[in-house]
């Protein structure tokens, strides 16, 4: 799976690309990369991969931002809007 990596972690947002929150998600990842120099992967719920991840981690509200270890163990997740503070995400992603 092609997720962005931060210090041995995978960080991604699972979302519906054609929804009212898609612009907020896309702006968030752009701002996160600009301010932190790190990337967050995007996964569409409309793909098999996105649906499988949502089921695996029991995600029911979107967008969902997840931080995973390289072995896919869930470290932290946030769901719905507003998206979490970038400092908080970076703190978990760099733990």
PDB file of N, CA and C in Angstrom:
ATOM      1  N   UNK A   1       0.832  -1.173   0.000  1.00  0.00           N
ATOM      2  CA  UNK A   1       0.000   0.000   0.000  1.00  0.00           C
ATOM      3  C   UNK A   1       0.877   1.236   0.000  1.00  0.00           C
ATOM      4  N   UNK A   2       0.519   2.239  -0.729  1.00  0.00           N
ATOM      5  CA  UNK A   2       1.362   3.402  -0.891  1.00  0.00           C
ATOM      6  C   UNK A   2       1.061   4.542   0.055  1.00  0.00           C
ATOM      7  N   UNK A   3       1.304   4.372   1.330  1.00  0.00           N
ATOM      8  CA  UNK A   3       1.036   5.418   2.307  1.00  0.00           C
ATOM      9  C   UNK A   3       2.266   6.262   2.540  1.00  0.00           C
ATOM     10  N   UNK A   4       2.022   7.478   2.947  1.00  0.00           N
ATOM     11  CA  UNK A   4       3.123   8.358   3.333  1.00  0.00           C
ATOM     12  C   UNK A   4       3.736   7.835   4.624  1.00  0.00           C
ATOM     13  N   UNK A   5       5.032   7.941   4.757  1.00  0.00           N
ATOM     14  CA  UNK A   5       5.721   7.433   5.936  1.00  0.00           C
ATOM     15  C   UNK A   5       6.335   8.578   6.716  1.00  0.00           C
ATOM     16  N   UNK A   6       6.195   8.495   8.026  1.00  0.00           N
ATOM     17  CA  UNK A   6       6.792   9.462   8.932  1.00  0.00           C
ATOM     18  C   UNK A   6       7.429   8.668  10.057  1.00  0.00           C
ATOM     19  N   UNK A   7       8.726   8.638  10.132  1.00  0.00           N
ATOM     20  CA  UNK A   7       9.450   7.995  11.229  1.00  0.00           C
ATOM     21  C   UNK A   7       8.938   6.596  11.527  1.00  0.00           C
ATOM     22  N   UNK A   8       8.799   5.762  10.519  1.00  0.00           N
ATOM     23  CA  UNK A   8       8.347   4.394  10.731  1.00  0.00           C
ATOM     24  C   UNK A   8       6.843   4.257  10.884  1.00  0.00           C
ATOM     25  N   UNK A   9       6.127   5.321  10.673  1.00  0.00           N
ATOM     26  CA  UNK A   9       4.665   5.310  10.784  1.00  0.00           C
ATOM     27  C   UNK A   9       4.053   5.574   9.411  1.00  0.00           C
ATOM     28  N   UNK A  10       2.804   5.147   9.258  1.00  0.00           N
ATOM     29  CA  UNK A  10       2.024   5.444   8.064  1.00  0.00           C
ATOM     30  C   UNK A  10       0.880   6.351   8.503  1.00  0.00           C
ATOM     31  N   UNK A  11       0.708   7.441   7.826  1.00  0.00           N
ATOM     32  CA  UNK A  11      -0.362   8.370   8.152  1.00  0.00           C
ATOM     33  C   UNK A  11      -1.204   8.576   6.908  1.00  0.00           C
ATOM     34  N   UNK A  12      -2.529   8.451   7.058  1.00  0.00           N
ATOM     35  CA  UNK A  12      -3.399   8.592   5.907  1.00  0.00           C
ATOM     36  C   UNK A  12      -4.760   9.104   6.306  1.00  0.00           C
ATOM     37  N   UNK A  13      -5.453   9.618   5.318  1.00  0.00           N
ATOM     38  CA  UNK A  13      -6.837  10.051   5.487  1.00  0.00           C
ATOM     39  C   UNK A  13      -7.698   9.202   4.560  1.00  0.00           C
ATOM     40  N   UNK A  14      -8.731   8.614   5.162  1.00  0.00           N
ATOM     41  CA  UNK A  14      -9.706   7.833   4.407  1.00  0.00           C
ATOM     42  C   UNK A  14     -10.936   8.728   4.263  1.00  0.00           C
ATOM     43  N   UNK A  15     -11.363   8.938   3.025  1.00  0.00           N
ATOM     44  CA  UNK A  15     -12.441   9.910   2.796  1.00  0.00           C
ATOM     45  C   UNK A  15     -13.198   9.611   1.515  1.00  0.00           C
ATOM     46  N   UNK A  16     -14.314  10.313   1.345  1.00  0.00           N
ATOM     47  CA  UNK A  16     -15.093  10.272   0.104  1.00  0.00           C
ATOM     48  C   UNK A  16     -14.627  11.454  -0.756  1.00  0.00           C
ATOM     49  N   UNK A  17     -13.965  11.201  -1.895  1.00  0.00           N
ATOM     50  CA  UNK A  17     -13.444  12.293  -2.715  1.00  0.00           C
ATOM     51  C   UNK A  17     -14.525  13.211  -3.297  1.00  0.00           C
ATOM     52  N   UNK A  18     -15.713  12.711  -3.504  1.00  0.00           N
ATOM     53  CA  UNK A  18     -16.782  13.529  -4.095  1.00  0.00           C
ATOM     54  C   UNK A  18     -17.811  13.891  -3.037  1.00  0.00           C
ATOM     55  N   UNK A  19     -17.346  14.524  -1.969  1.00  0.00           N
ATOM     56  CA  UNK A  19     -18.247  14.880  -0.877  1.00  0.00           C
ATOM     57  C   UNK A  19     -17.994  16.318  -0.445  1.00  0.00           C
ATOM     58  N   UNK A  20     -18.805  16.774   0.500  1.00  0.00           N
ATOM     59  CA  UNK A  20     -18.658  18.141   0.995  1.00  0.00           C
ATOM     60  C   UNK A  20     -17.375  18.338   1.783  1.00  0.00           C
ATOM     61  N   UNK A  21     -16.743  17.268   2.264  1.00  0.00           N
ATOM     62  CA  UNK A  21     -15.505  17.418   3.027  1.00  0.00           C
ATOM     63  C   UNK A  21     -14.242  17.230   2.191  1.00  0.00           C
ATOM     64  N   UNK A  22     -14.374  16.928   0.924  1.00  0.00           N
ATOM     65  CA  UNK A  22     -13.181  16.640   0.111  1.00  0.00           C
ATOM     66  C   UNK A  22     -12.241  17.844   0.020  1.00  0.00           C
ATOM     67  N   UNK A  23     -12.780  19.026  -0.117  1.00  0.00           N
ATOM     68  CA  UNK A  23     -11.927  20.226  -0.224  1.00  0.00           C
ATOM     69  C   UNK A  23     -11.153  20.463   1.075  1.00  0.00           C
ATOM     70  N   UNK A  24     -11.819  20.293   2.217  1.00  0.00           N
ATOM     71  CA  UNK A  24     -11.154  20.463   3.513  1.00  0.00           C
ATOM     72  C   UNK A  24     -10.017  19.459   3.678  1.00  0.00           C
ATOM     73  N   UNK A  25     -10.236  18.230   3.247  1.00  0.00           N
ATOM     74  CA  UNK A  25      -9.206  17.196   3.337  1.00  0.00           C
ATOM     75  C   UNK A  25      -8.020  17.546   2.447  1.00  0.00           C
ATOM     76  N   UNK A  26      -8.282  17.906   1.220  1.00  0.00           N
ATOM     77  CA  UNK A  26      -7.203  18.219   0.278  1.00  0.00           C
ATOM     78  C   UNK A  26      -6.409  19.442   0.724  1.00  0.00           C
ATOM     79  N   UNK A  27      -7.091  20.459   1.252  1.00  0.00           N
ATOM     80  CA  UNK A  27      -6.398  21.635   1.778  1.00  0.00           C
ATOM     81  C   UNK A  27      -5.545  21.259   2.988  1.00  0.00           C
ATOM     82  N   UNK A  28      -6.066  20.386   3.840  1.00  0.00           N
ATOM     83  CA  UNK A  28      -5.352  19.960   5.048  1.00  0.00           C
ATOM     84  C   UNK A  28      -4.035  19.267   4.682  1.00  0.00           C
ATOM     85  N   UNK A  29      -4.080  18.331   3.741  1.00  0.00           N
ATOM     86  CA  UNK A  29      -2.842  17.617   3.413  1.00  0.00           C
ATOM     87  C   UNK A  29      -1.830  18.543   2.734  1.00  0.00           C
ATOM     88  N   UNK A  30      -2.312  19.497   1.948  1.00  0.00           N
ATOM     89  CA  UNK A  30      -1.416  20.477   1.328  1.00  0.00           C
ATOM     90  C   UNK A  30      -0.759  21.342   2.398  1.00  0.00           C
ATOM     91  N   UNK A  31      -1.559  21.840   3.335  1.00  0.00           N
ATOM     92  CA  UNK A  31      -1.029  22.671   4.418  1.00  0.00           C
ATOM     93  C   UNK A  31      -0.095  21.873   5.328  1.00  0.00           C
ATOM     94  N   UNK A  32      -0.426  20.612   5.578  1.00  0.00           N
ATOM     95  CA  UNK A  32       0.405  19.762   6.431  1.00  0.00           C
ATOM     96  C   UNK A  32       1.782  19.562   5.796  1.00  0.00           C
ATOM     97  N   UNK A  33       1.791  19.303   4.511  1.00  0.00           N
ATOM     98  CA  UNK A  33       3.062  19.112   3.811  1.00  0.00           C
ATOM     99  C   UNK A  33       3.873  20.412   3.818  1.00  0.00           C
ATOM    100  N   UNK A  34       3.215  21.514   3.577  1.00  0.00           N
ATOM    101  CA  UNK A  34       3.899  22.807   3.536  1.00  0.00           C
ATOM    102  C   UNK A  34       4.470  23.176   4.916  1.00  0.00           C
ATOM    103  N   UNK A  35       3.691  22.981   5.969  1.00  0.00           N
ATOM    104  CA  UNK A  35       4.123  23.422   7.298  1.00  0.00           C
ATOM    105  C   UNK A  35       5.013  22.413   8.021  1.00  0.00           C
ATOM    106  N   UNK A  36       4.842  21.122   7.751  1.00  0.00           N
ATOM    107  CA  UNK A  36       5.607  20.087   8.461  1.00  0.00           C
ATOM    108  C   UNK A  36       6.635  19.378   7.586  1.00  0.00           C
ATOM    109  N   UNK A  37       6.527  19.569   6.275  1.00  0.00           N
ATOM    110  CA  UNK A  37       7.430  18.884   5.359  1.00  0.00           C
ATOM    111  C   UNK A  37       7.154  17.394   5.267  1.00  0.00           C
ATOM    112  N   UNK A  38       5.960  16.979   5.683  1.00  0.00           N
ATOM    113  CA  UNK A  38       5.575  15.571   5.694  1.00  0.00           C
ATOM    114  C   UNK A  38       4.298  15.390   4.882  1.00  0.00           C
ATOM    115  N   UNK A  39       4.136  14.201   4.339  1.00  0.00           N
ATOM    116  CA  UNK A  39       2.960  13.922   3.527  1.00  0.00           C
ATOM    117  C   UNK A  39       2.013  12.977   4.243  1.00  0.00           C
ATOM    118  N   UNK A  40       0.739  13.159   3.949  1.00  0.00           N
ATOM    119  CA  UNK A  40      -0.306  12.263   4.423  1.00  0.00           C
ATOM    120  C   UNK A  40      -0.908  11.602   3.192  1.00  0.00           C
ATOM    121  N   UNK A  41      -1.035  10.294   3.221  1.00  0.00           N
ATOM    122  CA  UNK A  41      -1.633   9.575   2.103  1.00  0.00           C
ATOM    123  C   UNK A  41      -3.146   9.729   2.098  1.00  0.00           C
ATOM    124  N   UNK A  42      -3.725   9.717   0.923  1.00  0.00           N
ATOM    125  CA  UNK A  42      -5.180   9.784   0.758  1.00  0.00           C
ATOM    126  C   UNK A  42      -5.688   8.449   0.244  1.00  0.00           C
ATOM    127  N   UNK A  43      -6.766   7.963   0.853  1.00  0.00           N
ATOM    128  CA  UNK A  43      -7.380   6.714   0.417  1.00  0.00           C
ATOM    129  C   UNK A  43      -8.875   6.963   0.251  1.00  0.00           C
ATOM    130  N   UNK A  44      -9.379   6.695  -0.928  1.00  0.00           N
ATOM    131  CA  UNK A  44     -10.799   6.878  -1.210  1.00  0.00           C
ATOM    132  C   UNK A  44     -11.604   5.713  -0.664  1.00  0.00           C
ATOM    133  N   UNK A  45     -12.716   6.034  -0.006  1.00  0.00           N
ATOM    134  CA  UNK A  45     -13.638   4.998   0.447  1.00  0.00           C
ATOM    135  C   UNK A  45     -14.311   4.302  -0.721  1.00  0.00           C
ATOM    136  N   UNK A  46     -14.215   4.884  -1.883  1.00  0.00           N
ATOM    137  CA  UNK A  46     -14.852   4.327  -3.059  1.00  0.00           C
ATOM    138  C   UNK A  46     -13.981   3.281  -3.751  1.00  0.00           C
ATOM    139  N   UNK A  47     -12.857   2.939  -3.126  1.00  0.00           N
ATOM    140  CA  UNK A  47     -12.001   1.873  -3.639  1.00  0.00           C
ATOM    141  C   UNK A  47     -12.077   0.685  -2.695  1.00  0.00           C
ATOM    142  N   UNK A  48     -11.693  -0.477  -3.176  1.00  0.00           N
ATOM    143  CA  UNK A  48     -11.674  -1.675  -2.335  1.00  0.00           C
ATOM    144  C   UNK A  48     -10.730  -1.471  -1.153  1.00  0.00           C
ATOM    145  N   UNK A  49      -9.570  -0.878  -1.407  1.00  0.00           N
ATOM    146  CA  UNK A  49      -8.593  -0.618  -0.348  1.00  0.00           C
ATOM    147  C   UNK A  49      -9.196   0.258   0.747  1.00  0.00           C
ATOM    148  N   UNK A  50      -9.857   1.343   0.358  1.00  0.00           N
ATOM    149  CA  UNK A  50     -10.463   2.240   1.327  1.00  0.00           C
ATOM    150  C   UNK A  50     -11.555   1.569   2.131  1.00  0.00           C
ATOM    151  N   UNK A  51     -12.416   0.820   1.451  1.00  0.00           N
ATOM    152  CA  UNK A  51     -13.496   0.108   2.144  1.00  0.00           C
ATOM    153  C   UNK A  51     -12.925  -0.934   3.104  1.00  0.00           C
ATOM    154  N   UNK A  52     -11.881  -1.640   2.686  1.00  0.00           N
ATOM    155  CA  UNK A  52     -11.252  -2.650   3.551  1.00  0.00           C
ATOM    156  C   UNK A  52     -10.623  -2.021   4.785  1.00  0.00           C
ATOM    157  N   UNK A  53      -9.949  -0.883   4.599  1.00  0.00           N
ATOM    158  CA  UNK A  53      -9.338  -0.199   5.749  1.00  0.00           C
ATOM    159  C   UNK A  53     -10.399   0.304   6.723  1.00  0.00           C
ATOM    160  N   UNK A  54     -11.471   0.865   6.196  1.00  0.00           N
ATOM    161  CA  UNK A  54     -12.547   1.351   7.058  1.00  0.00           C
ATOM    162  C   UNK A  54     -13.140   0.207   7.877  1.00  0.00           C
ATOM    163  N   UNK A  55     -13.311  -0.928   7.251  1.00  0.00           N
ATOM    164  CA  UNK A  55     -13.855  -2.099   7.958  1.00  0.00           C
ATOM    165  C   UNK A  55     -12.851  -2.626   8.985  1.00  0.00           C
ATOM    166  N   UNK A  56     -11.597  -2.732   8.593  1.00  0.00           N
ATOM    167  CA  UNK A  56     -10.554  -3.263   9.475  1.00  0.00           C
ATOM    168  C   UNK A  56     -10.429  -2.440  10.755  1.00  0.00           C
ATOM    169  N   UNK A  57     -10.460  -1.115  10.632  1.00  0.00           N
ATOM    170  CA  UNK A  57     -10.279  -0.236  11.785  1.00  0.00           C
ATOM    171  C   UNK A  57     -11.602   0.271  12.355  1.00  0.00           C
ATOM    172  N   UNK A  58     -12.727  -0.285  11.869  1.00  0.00           N
ATOM    173  CA  UNK A  58     -14.059   0.049  12.360  1.00  0.00           C
ATOM    174  C   UNK A  58     -14.331   1.550  12.288  1.00  0.00           C
ATOM    175  N   UNK A  59     -13.981   2.148  11.154  1.00  0.00           N
ATOM    176  CA  UNK A  59     -14.198   3.573  10.930  1.00  0.00           C
ATOM    177  C   UNK A  59     -15.593   3.770  10.348  1.00  0.00           C
ATOM    178  N   UNK A  60     -16.375   4.639  10.967  1.00  0.00           N
ATOM    179  CA  UNK A  60     -17.748   4.848  10.503  1.00  0.00           C
ATOM    180  C   UNK A  60     -18.067   6.317  10.225  1.00  0.00           C
ATOM    181  N   UNK A  61     -17.171   7.218  10.576  1.00  0.00           N
ATOM    182  CA  UNK A  61     -17.374   8.642  10.312  1.00  0.00           C
ATOM    183  C   UNK A  61     -16.173   9.156   9.522  1.00  0.00           C
ATOM    184  N   UNK A  62     -16.460   9.993   8.513  1.00  0.00           N
ATOM    185  CA  UNK A  62     -15.416  10.432   7.605  1.00  0.00           C
ATOM    186  C   UNK A  62     -15.415  11.940   7.458  1.00  0.00           C
ATOM    187  N   UNK A  63     -14.263  12.492   7.161  1.00  0.00           N
ATOM    188  CA  UNK A  63     -12.989  11.823   6.891  1.00  0.00           C
ATOM    189  C   UNK A  63     -12.406  11.241   8.176  1.00  0.00           C
ATOM    190  N   UNK A  64     -11.592  10.215   7.994  1.00  0.00           N
ATOM    191  CA  UNK A  64     -10.902   9.596   9.125  1.00  0.00           C
ATOM    192  C   UNK A  64      -9.405   9.686   8.878  1.00  0.00           C
ATOM    193  N   UNK A  65      -8.697  10.254   9.841  1.00  0.00           N
ATOM    194  CA  UNK A  65      -7.241  10.364   9.750  1.00  0.00           C
ATOM    195  C   UNK A  65      -6.672   9.323  10.697  1.00  0.00           C
ATOM    196  N   UNK A  66      -5.805   8.447  10.186  1.00  0.00           N
ATOM    197  CA  UNK A  66      -5.239   7.376  11.009  1.00  0.00           C
ATOM    198  C   UNK A  66      -3.719   7.408  10.961  1.00  0.00           C
ATOM    199  N   UNK A  67      -3.123   7.064  12.092  1.00  0.00           N
ATOM    200  CA  UNK A  67      -1.675   6.882  12.191  1.00  0.00           C
ATOM    201  C   UNK A  67      -1.458   5.418  12.519  1.00  0.00           C
ATOM    202  N   UNK A  68      -0.683   4.751  11.676  1.00  0.00           N
ATOM    203  CA  UNK A  68      -0.433   3.318  11.810  1.00  0.00           C
ATOM    204  C   UNK A  68       1.054   3.056  11.927  1.00  0.00           C
ATOM    205  N   UNK A  69       1.407   2.008  12.657  1.00  0.00           N
ATOM    206  CA  UNK A  69       2.787   1.533  12.634  1.00  0.00           C
ATOM    207  C   UNK A  69       3.020   0.846  11.295  1.00  0.00           C
ATOM    208  N   UNK A  70       4.268   0.600  10.981  1.00  0.00           N
ATOM    209  CA  UNK A  70       4.588  -0.082   9.719  1.00  0.00           C
ATOM    210  C   UNK A  70       3.932  -1.454   9.618  1.00  0.00           C
ATOM    211  N   UNK A  71       3.657  -2.075  10.778  1.00  0.00           N
ATOM    212  CA  UNK A  71       2.992  -3.379  10.766  1.00  0.00           C
ATOM    213  C   UNK A  71       1.470  -3.239  10.730  1.00  0.00           C
ATOM    214  N   UNK A  72       0.982  -2.029  10.476  1.00  0.00           N
ATOM    215  CA  UNK A  72      -0.432  -1.676  10.347  1.00  0.00           C
ATOM    216  C   UNK A  72      -1.196  -1.644  11.664  1.00  0.00           C
ATOM    217  N   UNK A  73      -0.502  -1.673  12.793  1.00  0.00           N
ATOM    218  CA  UNK A  73      -1.168  -1.523  14.084  1.00  0.00           C
ATOM    219  C   UNK A  73      -1.622  -0.075  14.231  1.00  0.00           C
ATOM    220  N   UNK A  74      -2.874   0.112  14.607  1.00  0.00           N
ATOM    221  CA  UNK A  74      -3.437   1.439  14.767  1.00  0.00           C
ATOM    222  C   UNK A  74      -2.858   2.114  16.004  1.00  0.00           C
ATOM    223  N   UNK A  75      -2.299   3.313  15.806  1.00  0.00           N
ATOM    224  CA  UNK A  75      -1.740   4.095  16.906  1.00  0.00           C
ATOM    225  C   UNK A  75      -2.781   5.103  17.391  1.00  0.00           C
ATOM    226  N   UNK A  76      -3.390   5.837  16.458  1.00  0.00           N
ATOM    227  CA  UNK A  76      -4.350   6.887  16.806  1.00  0.00           C
ATOM    228  C   UNK A  76      -5.217   7.157  15.590  1.00  0.00           C
ATOM    229  N   UNK A  77      -6.476   7.525  15.838  1.00  0.00           N
ATOM    230  CA  UNK A  77      -7.321   7.970  14.731  1.00  0.00           C
ATOM    231  C   UNK A  77      -8.239   9.086  15.193  1.00  0.00           C
ATOM    232  N   UNK A  78      -8.625   9.892  14.231  1.00  0.00           N
ATOM    233  CA  UNK A  78      -9.581  10.958  14.418  1.00  0.00           C
ATOM    234  C   UNK A  78     -10.619  10.800  13.318  1.00  0.00           C
ATOM    235  N   UNK A  79     -11.854  11.136  13.607  1.00  0.00           N
ATOM    236  CA  UNK A  79     -12.862  11.015  12.559  1.00  0.00           C
ATOM    237  C   UNK A  79     -13.794  12.217  12.557  1.00  0.00           C
ATOM    238  N   UNK A  80     -14.281  12.527  11.374  1.00  0.00           N
ATOM    239  CA  UNK A  80     -15.181  13.646  11.192  1.00  0.00           C
ATOM    240  C   UNK A  80     -14.449  14.974  11.137  1.00  0.00           C
ATOM    241  N   UNK A  81     -15.244  16.014  10.962  1.00  0.00           N
ATOM    242  CA  UNK A  81     -14.710  17.367  10.926  1.00  0.00           C
ATOM    243  C   UNK A  81     -14.993  18.037  12.261  1.00  0.00           C
ATOM    244  N   UNK A  82     -14.182  18.958  12.708  1.00  0.00           N
ATOM    245  CA  UNK A  82     -12.969  19.426  12.043  1.00  0.00           C
ATOM    246  C   UNK A  82     -11.846  18.404  12.166  1.00  0.00           C
ATOM    247  N   UNK A  83     -10.917  18.489  11.233  1.00  0.00           N
ATOM    248  CA  UNK A  83      -9.738  17.635  11.285  1.00  0.00           C
ATOM    249  C   UNK A  83      -8.879  18.044  12.477  1.00  0.00           C
ATOM    250  N   UNK A  84      -8.057  17.143  12.996  1.00  0.00           N
ATOM    251  CA  UNK A  84      -7.264  17.450  14.199  1.00  0.00           C
ATOM    252  C   UNK A  84      -6.193  18.508  13.932  1.00  0.00           C
ATOM    253  N   UNK A  85      -5.691  19.067  15.017  1.00  0.00           N
ATOM    254  CA  UNK A  85      -4.603  20.024  14.903  1.00  0.00           C
ATOM    255  C   UNK A  85      -3.382  19.337  14.292  1.00  0.00           C
ATOM    256  N   UNK A  86      -2.692  20.036  13.429  1.00  0.00           N
ATOM    257  CA  UNK A  86      -1.541  19.450  12.742  1.00  0.00           C
ATOM    258  C   UNK A  86      -0.428  19.082  13.722  1.00  0.00           C
ATOM    259  N   UNK A  87      -0.248  19.869  14.763  1.00  0.00           N
ATOM    260  CA  UNK A  87       0.772  19.546  15.777  1.00  0.00           C
ATOM    261  C   UNK A  87       0.469  18.204  16.444  1.00  0.00           C
ATOM    262  N   UNK A  88      -0.806  17.943  16.705  1.00  0.00           N
ATOM    263  CA  UNK A  88      -1.182  16.676  17.341  1.00  0.00           C
ATOM    264  C   UNK A  88      -0.893  15.496  16.418  1.00  0.00           C
ATOM    265  N   UNK A  89      -1.257  15.629  15.153  1.00  0.00           N
ATOM    266  CA  UNK A  89      -0.991  14.557  14.183  1.00  0.00           C
ATOM    267  C   UNK A  89       0.503  14.315  14.058  1.00  0.00           C
ATOM    268  N   UNK A  90       1.272  15.382  13.920  1.00  0.00           N
ATOM    269  CA  UNK A  90       2.722  15.255  13.783  1.00  0.00           C
ATOM    270  C   UNK A  90       3.330  14.611  15.021  1.00  0.00           C
ATOM    271  N   UNK A  91       2.797  14.912  16.201  1.00  0.00           N
ATOM    272  CA  UNK A  91       3.285  14.311  17.441  1.00  0.00           C
ATOM    273  C   UNK A  91       3.096  12.811  17.466  1.00  0.00           C
ATOM    274  N   UNK A  92       1.934  12.323  17.043  1.00  0.00           N
ATOM    275  CA  UNK A  92       1.714  10.878  16.986  1.00  0.00           C
ATOM    276  C   UNK A  92       2.517  10.231  15.872  1.00  0.00           C
ATOM    277  N   UNK A  93       2.589  10.894  14.740  1.00  0.00           N
ATOM    278  CA  UNK A  93       3.278  10.330  13.581  1.00  0.00           C
ATOM    279  C   UNK A  93       4.781  10.217  13.815  1.00  0.00           C
ATOM    280  N   UNK A  94       5.313  11.065  14.675  1.00  0.00           N
ATOM    281  CA  UNK A  94       6.749  11.042  14.944  1.00  0.00           C
ATOM    282  C   UNK A  94       7.103  10.322  16.241  1.00  0.00           C
ATOM    283  N   UNK A  95       6.115   9.718  16.887  1.00  0.00           N
ATOM    284  CA  UNK A  95       6.343   9.046  18.185  1.00  0.00           C
ATOM    285  C   UNK A  95       7.228   7.831  18.039  1.00  0.00           C
TER     286      UNK A  95
END
